[in-house]
């Protein structure tokens, strides 16, 4: 499996998670905005050049890990994030809305 590196950008009112795959210039993104004590996951986008490598899943996993560590809830406005919550019932305590 190719190495995927997740970085965090922004903070406060809005931000994004970025996924870089070793050897590729394309970057996957999961964007969010703050709403009270929650982060609304708005969009998850993975360019075709790096698709099929689990990049979107890794982006959501980073969001979930931060939610657990930092104590915020996640509003899955993005259909991919909503589907990920459905696949992982153990995350239900982090879901808002």
Protein backbone atom coordinates (compact mmCIF):
# COMPACT_ATOMS: atom_id res chain seq x y z
CA UNK A 1 0.00 0.00 0.00
CA UNK A 2 1.25 3.44 -0.87
CA UNK A 3 2.06 5.86 1.92
CA UNK A 4 -0.70 8.39 2.61
CA UNK A 5 0.15 11.42 4.74
CA UNK A 6 -2.68 13.40 6.38
CA UNK A 7 -2.14 17.02 7.38
CA UNK A 8 -4.46 19.49 9.08
CA UNK A 9 -4.96 23.05 7.88
CA UNK A 10 -6.95 25.96 9.27
CA UNK A 11 -8.79 25.86 12.53
CA UNK A 12 -11.15 28.04 14.46
CA UNK A 13 -14.07 28.67 12.10
CA UNK A 14 -13.02 26.39 9.22
CA UNK A 15 -10.36 24.04 8.03
CA UNK A 16 -9.51 20.98 6.05
CA UNK A 17 -7.70 17.70 6.17
CA UNK A 18 -5.38 17.03 3.25
CA UNK A 19 -4.13 13.66 2.07
CA UNK A 20 -0.97 13.32 0.03
CA UNK A 21 0.00 10.02 -1.58
CA UNK A 22 3.70 9.37 -1.99
CA UNK A 23 4.80 9.91 -5.58
CA UNK A 24 1.69 11.89 -6.63
CA UNK A 25 1.05 15.63 -6.80
CA UNK A 26 -2.75 15.32 -6.42
CA UNK A 27 -4.17 15.99 -2.96
CA UNK A 28 -7.37 14.69 -1.36
CA UNK A 29 -9.36 17.02 0.90
CA UNK A 30 -12.03 16.89 3.56
CA UNK A 31 -13.33 20.39 4.36
CA UNK A 32 -15.19 21.43 7.50
CA UNK A 33 -16.70 24.48 9.18
CA UNK A 34 -17.31 25.00 12.87
CA UNK A 35 -20.86 25.12 14.19
CA UNK A 36 -20.91 25.59 17.94
CA UNK A 37 -18.98 22.70 19.48
CA UNK A 38 -19.21 20.62 16.28
CA UNK A 39 -17.42 20.46 12.96
CA UNK A 40 -19.63 20.19 9.90
CA UNK A 41 -17.89 17.89 7.41
CA UNK A 42 -18.89 19.61 4.16
CA UNK A 43 -16.98 17.95 1.33
CA UNK A 44 -14.64 15.03 0.74
CA UNK A 45 -12.85 15.17 -2.61
CA UNK A 46 -10.25 12.72 -3.89
CA UNK A 47 -8.84 13.35 -7.36
CA UNK A 48 -9.02 10.43 -9.76
CA UNK A 49 -5.20 10.26 -9.91
CA UNK A 50 -5.09 9.04 -6.29
CA UNK A 51 -8.48 7.33 -6.10
CA UNK A 52 -8.92 3.71 -5.13
CA UNK A 53 -6.26 3.84 -2.42
CA UNK A 54 -8.47 4.42 0.64
CA UNK A 55 -7.62 8.13 0.73
CA UNK A 56 -11.16 9.29 1.55
CA UNK A 57 -11.40 6.76 4.37
CA UNK A 58 -8.11 7.99 5.82
CA UNK A 59 -9.36 11.59 5.74
CA UNK A 60 -12.50 10.65 7.68
CA UNK A 61 -10.47 8.57 10.15
CA UNK A 62 -8.29 11.63 10.86
CA UNK A 63 -11.40 13.73 11.51
CA UNK A 64 -12.79 11.07 13.85
CA UNK A 65 -9.48 10.72 15.71
CA UNK A 66 -9.38 14.48 16.26
CA UNK A 67 -13.01 14.50 17.41
CA UNK A 68 -12.19 11.89 20.05
CA UNK A 69 -9.00 13.65 21.13
CA UNK A 70 -10.34 17.21 21.10
CA UNK A 71 -13.90 16.54 22.24
CA UNK A 72 -15.96 17.88 19.33
CA UNK A 73 -18.90 16.32 17.49
CA UNK A 74 -19.15 15.79 13.73
CA UNK A 75 -22.09 16.79 11.54
CA UNK A 76 -21.80 14.63 8.40
CA UNK A 77 -23.14 17.01 5.73
CA UNK A 78 -20.94 15.23 3.17
CA UNK A 79 -22.51 12.01 1.87
CA UNK A 80 -19.20 10.13 2.09
CA UNK A 81 -18.76 11.06 5.77
CA UNK A 82 -22.40 10.09 6.48
CA UNK A 83 -21.82 6.69 4.82
CA UNK A 84 -18.63 6.22 6.87
CA UNK A 85 -20.61 6.79 10.06
CA UNK A 86 -23.13 4.18 8.89
CA UNK A 87 -20.28 1.68 8.33
CA UNK A 88 -18.75 2.38 11.77
CA UNK A 89 -21.40 2.16 14.52
CA UNK A 90 -18.64 2.68 17.10
CA UNK A 91 -18.46 6.31 15.99
CA UNK A 92 -22.14 7.02 16.81
CA UNK A 93 -21.23 8.96 19.97
CA UNK A 94 -19.39 11.51 17.82
CA UNK A 95 -22.22 12.11 15.36
CA UNK A 96 -24.39 15.20 15.66
CA UNK A 97 -27.35 15.86 13.41
